[in-house]
Protein backbone atom coordinates (compact mmCIF):
# COMPACT_ATOMS: atom_id res chain seq x y z
CA MET A 1 90.10 42.28 103.43
CA ASN A 2 86.54 43.47 103.98
CA ASP A 3 84.34 46.53 103.63
CA THR A 4 84.77 47.55 107.26
CA ALA A 5 88.53 47.87 106.92
CA PRO A 6 88.56 51.57 105.96
CA HIS A 7 86.52 52.56 108.98
CA ALA A 8 88.61 50.41 111.31
CA ALA A 9 91.83 51.91 110.00
CA LEU A 10 90.57 55.46 110.35
CA LYS A 11 89.37 54.80 113.86
CA ASP A 12 92.61 53.12 114.95
CA PHE A 13 95.03 55.64 113.53
CA GLY A 14 93.08 58.89 113.25
CA VAL A 15 93.12 61.11 110.20
CA ARG A 16 95.89 63.68 110.24
CA ASP A 17 96.65 66.45 107.81
CA PHE A 18 99.32 65.58 105.28
CA TYR A 19 100.79 66.42 101.96
CA LEU A 20 101.83 64.06 99.22
CA GLY A 21 105.02 63.97 97.20
CA ARG A 22 106.44 61.45 94.80
CA GLN A 23 109.97 60.67 93.69
CA PRO A 24 110.63 58.97 90.34
CA ILE A 25 112.35 55.60 89.93
CA LEU A 26 113.90 55.17 86.48
CA ASP A 27 115.21 52.08 84.71
CA ARG A 28 118.61 51.68 83.04
CA ASN A 29 117.30 53.42 79.89
CA GLN A 30 116.05 56.44 81.88
CA ALA A 31 112.46 55.33 81.35
CA LEU A 32 110.01 55.84 84.19
CA PHE A 33 109.44 52.64 86.16
CA GLY A 34 107.76 53.85 89.33
CA TYR A 35 107.32 56.48 92.02
CA GLU A 36 108.03 56.32 95.70
CA LEU A 37 105.06 58.05 97.27
CA LEU A 38 106.04 60.37 100.07
CA PHE A 39 103.44 61.09 102.71
CA ARG A 40 104.40 63.88 105.07
CA ASN A 41 102.57 64.81 108.25
CA ALA A 42 101.45 68.37 108.67
CA PRO A 43 103.03 70.36 111.42
CA ALA A 44 100.46 70.55 114.12
CA GLY A 45 103.10 70.86 116.82
CA ALA A 46 102.88 67.29 118.01
CA ALA A 47 103.76 65.49 114.81
CA ASP A 48 105.86 63.01 116.75
CA PHE A 49 104.19 59.60 116.50
CA ASP A 50 104.87 56.76 118.89
CA ASN A 51 104.19 54.15 116.22
CA GLY A 52 106.35 55.69 113.51
CA LEU A 53 105.13 54.85 110.04
CA SER A 54 101.97 53.15 111.29
CA ALA A 55 100.53 56.64 111.78
CA THR A 56 100.49 57.02 107.99
CA ALA A 57 97.82 54.33 107.64
CA ALA A 58 95.04 56.90 107.84
CA VAL A 59 96.92 59.06 105.35
CA ILE A 60 96.99 56.11 102.94
CA ALA A 61 93.24 55.74 103.37
CA HIS A 62 92.66 59.42 102.70
CA ALA A 63 94.96 59.50 99.71
CA GLY A 64 93.34 56.36 98.35
CA GLN A 65 89.96 58.07 98.47
CA LEU A 66 91.40 61.05 96.58
CA GLY A 67 92.68 58.75 93.85
CA LEU A 68 96.03 57.18 94.56
CA ASP A 69 95.98 55.47 91.17
CA LYS A 70 95.91 58.92 89.56
CA ALA A 71 99.07 59.87 91.44
CA ILE A 72 101.08 57.08 89.82
CA GLY A 73 99.41 56.66 86.42
CA ASP A 74 100.78 53.55 84.70
CA ALA A 75 103.89 53.46 86.87
CA GLN A 76 104.54 51.30 89.91
CA GLY A 77 103.92 52.91 93.29
CA PHE A 78 106.37 52.30 96.14
CA LEU A 79 104.92 52.96 99.59
CA ASN A 80 106.78 52.87 102.92
CA VAL A 81 105.05 50.70 105.51
CA ASP A 82 106.03 49.23 108.87
CA ALA A 83 104.94 46.05 110.65
CA ALA A 84 101.83 47.69 112.15
CA VAL A 85 100.60 48.81 108.73
CA ILE A 86 101.33 45.41 107.17
CA MET A 87 99.30 43.71 109.88
CA SER A 88 96.38 46.15 109.38
CA ASP A 89 93.53 46.04 106.84
CA ILE A 90 94.36 49.36 105.21
CA PHE A 91 95.27 47.77 101.89
CA VAL A 92 91.71 47.79 100.59
CA PHE A 93 92.46 51.37 99.52
CA LEU A 94 95.44 50.54 97.34
CA PRO A 95 95.62 49.58 93.64
CA ARG A 96 97.40 46.32 94.45
CA GLU A 97 98.42 45.46 90.90
CA LYS A 98 100.50 48.65 90.80
CA MET A 99 101.69 48.87 94.39
CA VAL A 100 105.00 47.80 95.97
CA LEU A 101 105.06 47.82 99.77
CA GLU A 102 108.41 49.02 101.05
CA VAL A 103 109.69 47.78 104.42
CA HIS A 104 112.90 48.70 106.20
CA GLN A 105 115.55 46.03 106.67
CA SER A 106 115.30 46.51 110.45
CA VAL A 107 111.67 45.31 110.61
CA GLU A 108 111.68 42.08 112.61
CA ALA A 109 111.02 39.11 110.35
CA SER A 110 108.61 37.42 112.78
CA SER A 111 106.52 34.44 111.73
CA PRO A 112 103.23 36.42 111.86
CA LEU A 113 104.74 39.20 109.74
CA LEU A 114 106.07 36.79 107.12
CA ALA A 115 102.70 35.01 107.03
CA ARG A 116 100.91 38.33 106.49
CA MET A 117 103.35 39.32 103.75
CA ALA A 118 102.68 35.99 102.04
CA GLU A 119 98.94 36.64 102.28
CA LEU A 120 99.30 40.12 100.76
CA ALA A 121 101.54 38.72 98.02
CA GLY A 122 98.71 36.32 97.23
CA HIS A 123 96.47 39.38 96.72
CA GLY A 124 98.94 40.80 94.19
CA PHE A 125 101.17 43.04 96.31
CA ARG A 126 104.93 42.99 95.98
CA PHE A 127 107.57 44.01 98.50
CA ALA A 128 110.74 46.08 98.51
CA LEU A 129 113.37 46.06 101.25
CA ASN A 130 115.09 49.37 101.88
CA GLY A 131 118.01 50.55 103.95
CA VAL A 132 120.00 47.42 103.15
CA SER A 133 123.69 47.84 103.92
CA ASP A 134 124.47 44.21 104.75
CA ILE A 135 122.85 40.80 104.37
CA THR A 136 122.07 40.14 108.02
CA PRO A 137 120.20 37.09 109.37
CA ASN A 138 117.05 39.24 109.62
CA VAL A 139 117.45 40.35 105.99
CA GLU A 140 117.92 36.73 104.94
CA ARG A 141 114.60 35.81 106.57
CA LEU A 142 112.83 38.64 104.75
CA LEU A 143 114.40 38.07 101.32
CA PRO A 144 112.11 35.21 100.17
CA MET A 145 109.20 37.69 100.24
CA ILE A 146 111.16 40.51 98.57
CA ASP A 147 111.14 41.51 94.89
CA PHE A 148 113.19 44.73 95.11
CA VAL A 149 116.17 45.65 97.28
CA LYS A 150 117.00 49.34 97.77
CA PHE A 151 120.42 50.73 98.67
CA ASP A 152 120.96 54.20 100.09
CA MET A 153 123.87 55.50 98.04
CA ARG A 154 124.96 57.86 100.79
CA GLY A 155 126.05 55.10 103.14
CA ILE A 156 127.58 52.19 101.25
CA ALA A 157 130.96 51.65 99.60
CA ALA A 158 131.07 50.65 95.92
CA THR A 159 133.07 47.46 96.58
CA LYS A 160 130.60 46.24 99.20
CA LEU A 161 127.65 47.16 97.01
CA LEU A 162 129.09 45.20 94.10
CA GLY A 163 129.46 42.07 96.22
CA MET A 164 125.90 42.28 97.58
CA ALA A 165 124.49 43.09 94.15
CA ARG A 166 125.93 39.89 92.67
CA VAL A 167 124.49 37.76 95.48
CA LEU A 168 121.05 39.36 95.38
CA GLN A 169 120.73 39.33 91.59
CA ARG A 170 121.56 35.62 91.56
CA GLY A 171 118.54 35.29 93.84
CA GLY A 172 116.35 37.07 91.29
CA LYS A 173 116.10 40.38 93.14
CA LYS A 174 115.84 43.70 91.31
CA LEU A 175 118.15 46.33 92.76
CA ILE A 176 117.37 50.02 93.25
CA ALA A 177 119.87 52.77 94.03
CA GLU A 178 118.12 55.48 96.02
CA ARG A 179 119.18 59.03 96.81
CA VAL A 180 121.09 59.25 93.56
CA GLU A 181 122.06 62.91 93.51
CA SER A 182 124.08 63.40 90.32
CA SER A 183 124.47 62.01 86.82
CA VAL A 184 127.99 60.88 87.75
CA GLN A 185 126.63 58.86 90.66
CA HIS A 186 123.97 57.39 88.38
CA ASP A 187 126.61 56.26 85.88
CA GLU A 188 128.63 54.63 88.66
CA CYS A 189 125.59 52.73 89.93
CA ARG A 190 124.68 51.65 86.42
CA ALA A 191 128.20 50.31 85.89
CA LEU A 192 127.79 48.23 89.06
CA GLY A 193 124.79 46.53 87.46
CA LEU A 194 121.93 48.06 89.42
CA ASP A 195 118.53 47.91 87.75
CA TYR A 196 116.72 51.07 88.86
CA PHE A 197 117.66 54.54 90.08
CA GLN A 198 115.73 56.84 92.39
CA GLY A 199 116.24 60.55 92.90
CA PHE A 200 116.19 63.83 91.02
CA TYR A 201 119.67 63.51 89.56
CA PHE A 202 118.18 63.95 86.07
CA ALA A 203 116.85 67.38 87.07
CA GLN A 204 120.24 68.73 88.15
CA PRO A 205 121.60 71.12 85.51
CA VAL A 206 124.70 69.76 83.80
CA VAL A 207 126.24 72.65 81.88
CA ILE A 208 127.66 71.35 78.61
CA SER A 209 129.96 73.69 76.76
CA GLY A 210 128.94 74.17 73.14
CA ARG A 211 125.67 72.31 73.60
CA LYS A 212 123.29 72.85 70.69
CA LEU A 213 119.55 72.48 70.59
CA THR A 214 118.14 69.64 68.52
CA PRO A 215 116.45 70.56 65.22
CA SER A 216 113.04 69.90 66.76
CA GLN A 217 113.83 72.13 69.75
CA LEU A 218 115.08 74.89 67.45
CA ALA A 219 111.84 74.69 65.46
CA VAL A 220 109.77 74.97 68.62
CA MET A 221 111.86 77.88 69.89
CA GLU A 222 111.45 79.79 66.64
CA LEU A 223 107.72 79.18 66.70
CA MET A 224 107.51 80.36 70.31
CA LYS A 225 109.12 83.65 69.30
CA LEU A 226 106.47 84.12 66.62
CA VAL A 227 103.68 83.28 69.05
CA THR A 228 104.86 85.76 71.67
CA SER A 229 105.33 88.50 69.08
CA ASP A 230 102.71 90.22 66.94
CA ALA A 231 103.10 87.75 64.08
CA GLU A 232 99.96 87.03 62.07
CA ASN A 233 98.23 83.67 62.44
CA ILE A 234 99.01 82.80 58.83
CA GLU A 235 102.73 83.34 59.48
CA ILE A 236 102.60 81.06 62.52
CA GLU A 237 100.63 78.47 60.56
CA ARG A 238 103.22 78.44 57.78
CA ALA A 239 106.03 78.03 60.31
CA VAL A 240 104.31 75.02 61.87
CA LYS A 241 103.62 73.41 58.50
CA ARG A 242 107.26 73.73 57.47
CA ASP A 243 108.08 71.11 60.11
CA VAL A 244 105.81 68.10 59.57
CA THR A 245 106.87 66.42 62.81
CA LEU A 246 106.17 69.57 64.78
CA ALA A 247 102.73 69.93 63.18
CA LEU A 248 101.80 66.33 63.96
CA ASN A 249 103.05 66.55 67.55
CA LEU A 250 101.19 69.79 68.12
CA LEU A 251 97.94 68.33 66.83
CA ARG A 252 98.47 65.25 68.98
CA LEU A 253 98.94 67.40 72.07
CA VAL A 254 96.03 69.78 71.48
CA ASN A 255 93.70 66.79 71.13
CA THR A 256 94.60 65.39 74.54
CA PRO A 257 91.86 65.07 77.16
CA ALA A 258 93.94 67.57 79.18
CA VAL A 259 92.96 70.35 76.74
CA GLY A 260 89.29 69.52 77.19
CA MET A 261 88.09 70.26 73.65
CA ARG A 262 84.73 68.72 72.83
CA GLN A 263 85.56 68.24 69.17
CA GLN A 264 88.59 66.95 67.32
CA ILE A 265 91.05 69.60 66.13
CA ASP A 266 92.11 68.48 62.66
CA SER A 267 94.24 71.32 61.32
CA VAL A 268 96.94 73.70 62.43
CA SER A 269 94.82 76.73 61.52
CA GLN A 270 91.95 75.36 63.63
CA ALA A 271 94.34 74.77 66.53
CA LEU A 272 95.54 78.37 66.35
CA ILE A 273 91.99 79.73 66.38
CA VAL A 274 90.63 77.45 69.09
CA LEU A 275 93.61 77.60 71.42
CA GLY A 276 94.70 81.20 71.17
CA ARG A 277 98.24 82.47 71.66
CA ARG A 278 98.63 81.73 75.36
CA GLN A 279 97.46 78.14 75.14
CA LEU A 280 99.53 77.53 72.01
CA GLN A 281 102.58 78.81 73.86
CA ARG A 282 101.85 76.33 76.65
CA TRP A 283 101.85 73.35 74.32
CA LEU A 284 105.00 74.53 72.60
CA GLN A 285 106.73 74.74 75.98
CA ILE A 286 105.72 71.15 76.65
CA LEU A 287 106.97 70.03 73.22
CA LEU A 288 110.46 71.26 74.09
CA TYR A 289 110.67 68.38 76.58
CA ALA A 290 109.32 65.73 74.20
CA ASP A 291 112.41 64.27 72.54
CA PRO A 292 111.47 62.62 69.23
CA ALA A 293 114.45 60.27 69.63
CA GLN A 294 112.75 58.76 72.66
CA ARG A 295 109.38 58.26 71.02
CA GLY A 296 108.03 54.77 71.37
CA HIS A 297 110.40 54.03 74.24
CA SER A 298 109.75 56.18 77.26
CA ALA A 299 108.71 59.53 78.59
CA SER A 300 111.43 61.95 79.48
CA PRO A 301 111.47 62.22 83.27
CA LEU A 302 112.02 65.95 82.80
CA LEU A 303 108.82 66.12 80.73
CA MET A 304 106.85 64.44 83.50
CA LEU A 305 108.33 66.58 86.24
CA ALA A 306 107.98 69.84 84.29
CA THR A 307 104.35 69.26 83.33
CA THR A 308 103.50 68.29 86.91
CA ARG A 309 105.20 71.40 88.27
CA GLY A 310 103.55 73.64 85.71
CA ARG A 311 100.08 72.31 86.43
CA LEU A 312 100.54 72.42 90.22
CA LEU A 313 101.70 76.04 90.10
CA GLU A 314 98.78 76.89 87.83
CA LEU A 315 96.25 75.36 90.23
CA LEU A 316 97.82 77.07 93.23
CA ALA A 317 97.83 80.44 91.47
CA LYS A 318 94.17 80.09 90.50
CA ARG A 319 93.30 79.27 94.10
CA LEU A 320 95.31 82.15 95.57
CA ARG A 321 94.58 84.90 93.04
CA PRO A 322 91.31 83.94 91.33
CA SER A 323 90.48 87.47 90.19
CA GLN A 324 93.83 88.29 88.59
CA ARG A 325 93.83 87.74 84.85
CA ASN A 326 96.66 85.63 83.38
CA VAL A 327 98.16 84.76 86.77
CA ALA A 328 97.55 81.03 86.22
CA ASP A 329 99.21 81.13 82.78
CA ILE A 330 102.25 82.88 84.22
CA ALA A 331 102.48 80.33 87.04
CA PHE A 332 102.35 77.48 84.52
CA THR A 333 105.14 79.09 82.50
CA VAL A 334 107.32 79.42 85.61
CA GLY A 335 106.77 75.75 86.45
CA ILE A 336 107.44 74.43 82.96
CA MET A 337 110.49 76.65 82.43
CA SER A 338 112.03 75.84 85.82
CA LEU A 339 113.67 72.71 84.41
CA MET A 340 114.89 74.11 81.11
CA ASP A 341 118.40 74.56 82.50
CA ALA A 342 118.55 70.79 83.00
CA LEU A 343 116.90 70.20 79.61
CA PHE A 344 119.27 72.40 77.62
CA GLY A 345 122.38 72.13 79.79
CA ILE A 346 122.79 75.90 80.03
CA PRO A 347 122.37 78.25 83.03
CA MET A 348 118.90 79.62 83.75
CA SER A 349 120.31 83.16 83.54
CA GLU A 350 121.01 82.54 79.84
CA ILE A 351 117.64 80.89 79.20
CA VAL A 352 115.64 83.89 80.42
CA VAL A 353 117.60 86.01 77.94
CA GLN A 354 117.05 83.66 74.99
CA ILE A 355 113.35 83.15 75.81
CA PRO A 356 111.91 86.59 76.54
CA VAL A 357 110.06 86.66 79.86
CA SER A 358 108.90 89.35 82.25
CA ASP A 359 111.07 90.53 85.13
CA GLU A 360 108.68 88.78 87.52
CA VAL A 361 109.11 85.43 85.76
CA SER A 362 112.86 85.92 85.43
CA GLY A 363 113.18 86.64 89.16
CA ALA A 364 111.14 83.56 90.04
CA LEU A 365 113.26 81.31 87.80
CA THR A 366 116.69 82.65 88.68
CA HIS A 367 116.30 83.69 92.34
CA ARG A 368 112.94 82.20 93.47
CA THR A 369 111.67 85.68 94.30
CA GLY A 370 108.15 87.11 94.31
CA PHE A 371 104.81 85.34 94.34
CA PHE A 372 105.74 82.88 91.59
CA GLY A 373 109.12 82.22 93.20
CA GLU A 374 107.31 81.25 96.42
CA LEU A 375 105.11 78.81 94.53
CA LEU A 376 108.12 77.31 92.77
CA ARG A 377 110.01 76.87 96.06
CA LEU A 378 106.97 75.12 97.50
CA ALA A 379 106.75 72.71 94.55
CA GLU A 380 110.47 71.94 94.73
CA SER A 381 110.29 71.30 98.48
CA ILE A 382 107.42 68.85 98.04
CA GLU A 383 109.43 66.88 95.48
CA GLN A 384 112.39 66.34 97.78
CA MET A 385 112.79 63.16 99.76
CA ASP A 386 113.96 64.35 103.15
CA GLY A 387 114.04 67.33 105.42
CA THR A 388 111.44 69.49 103.66
CA GLU A 389 108.68 69.56 106.30
CA ASP A 390 110.20 72.69 107.84
CA MET A 391 109.94 74.43 104.46
CA VAL A 392 106.61 73.11 103.17
CA MET A 393 104.37 73.62 106.16
CA PRO A 394 105.30 77.26 106.89
CA ALA A 395 104.88 78.00 103.17
CA LEU A 396 101.37 76.53 103.23
CA LYS A 397 100.53 78.58 106.30
CA GLN A 398 101.83 81.76 104.69
CA LEU A 399 99.85 81.09 101.52
CA ALA A 400 96.74 80.17 103.55
CA ILE A 401 96.38 76.78 101.86
CA SER A 402 95.34 73.71 103.80
CA SER A 403 97.33 70.50 103.40
CA ASP A 404 94.14 68.82 102.22
CA GLU A 405 93.79 71.33 99.40
CA LEU A 406 97.43 70.83 98.49
CA VAL A 407 96.98 67.06 98.19
CA GLN A 408 93.98 67.52 95.91
CA PHE A 409 95.99 69.90 93.72
CA GLU A 410 98.92 67.47 93.68
CA VAL A 411 96.78 64.51 92.62
CA ALA A 412 95.12 66.65 89.93
CA ALA A 413 98.55 67.77 88.67
CA PHE A 414 99.84 64.18 88.61
CA ALA A 415 96.82 63.02 86.61
CA TRP A 416 97.05 65.95 84.17
CA SER A 417 100.75 65.35 83.59
CA ASP A 418 100.14 61.65 82.95
CA SER A 419 97.46 62.52 80.38
CA VAL A 420 99.74 64.99 78.59
CA VAL A 421 102.75 62.68 78.55
CA ARG A 422 100.74 59.87 76.95
CA TYR A 423 100.15 62.09 73.93
CA ALA A 424 103.52 63.81 73.86
CA LEU A 425 105.24 60.53 72.99
């Protein structure tokens, strides 16, 4: 690994437009463990590459220059690579202590490849094997270099998975269920003894009859109603102070680097004055996702996803409508509220009644209509694992945003969310 590697990689593979997504990998306690980073090629007609994943090497280089470590925060990053990428010198761009290189089980376990994997392991990289549906001779040759084995839950029977899981765990491998699409499927995989779970199953609304908000959520909701009304500051301050936990959490949040205040905010009254109503509403929306019961253990994956969405929509709105007052705040609200149906377990149509919003915001949240609905659809498409290129790229073209701009906004949103979540716990 040398200083000329970046230039060699860029020359060999050629820089192509791309956008960046990430999909969370959670542990058995629903704590964030890592992200699979999803690089997607932009549509320029001929996006069909002869070398498959090796064409993403230049994308890795570009993303690394933008700040790949910001995209994953303290989590582990899982990155799909093929034999050509493994044999290249592109890895100088990657934060090796936090990066897991993911190879498909069909990659030929040749002696040169295994030697290169051993060399990269010596530099601190770890490997995951994906697409495993059987322990073939080729898989057996790869396994000594593998730390994580990933199973696609769409194509493997539970009985077969159980048998393989026992064998692989005896060999010290950590097992990941990917494409987990529902909480029921997650529970089944957990019962089979798998270690990690990948997908957006946690963001799928599960309507629970008679579900009640927690005391902390009720306190935040009541405060939000005061903030959005014409209540006096002193009335809002008294409401905050009545709930000590809420007051402490609010002060913790408003003192995050994400707020950008130059001086410490030490009191609720000061926070109200410095922040103003709109910003205070933003931090209250975030607090709805911060479950006190989880404090000290893990961030809610919904909190991380909601703050990332909110920030991304805010940045996109600022870019697209810079002269329109409040458009960025509205976009943030749409992003942060878009997961409240999953958070509360009630339909979005009920949420927009309980939390007063404009018709424009309501339409975006319930039907994905209007300007903010377009932005929300774009964010949701980016988050998905497969089959979203046909939705993302036309949307970017329609919004007149380059894929390079989108990646910069994504990385900024990831970093902002990570900063907020650190303080929300």
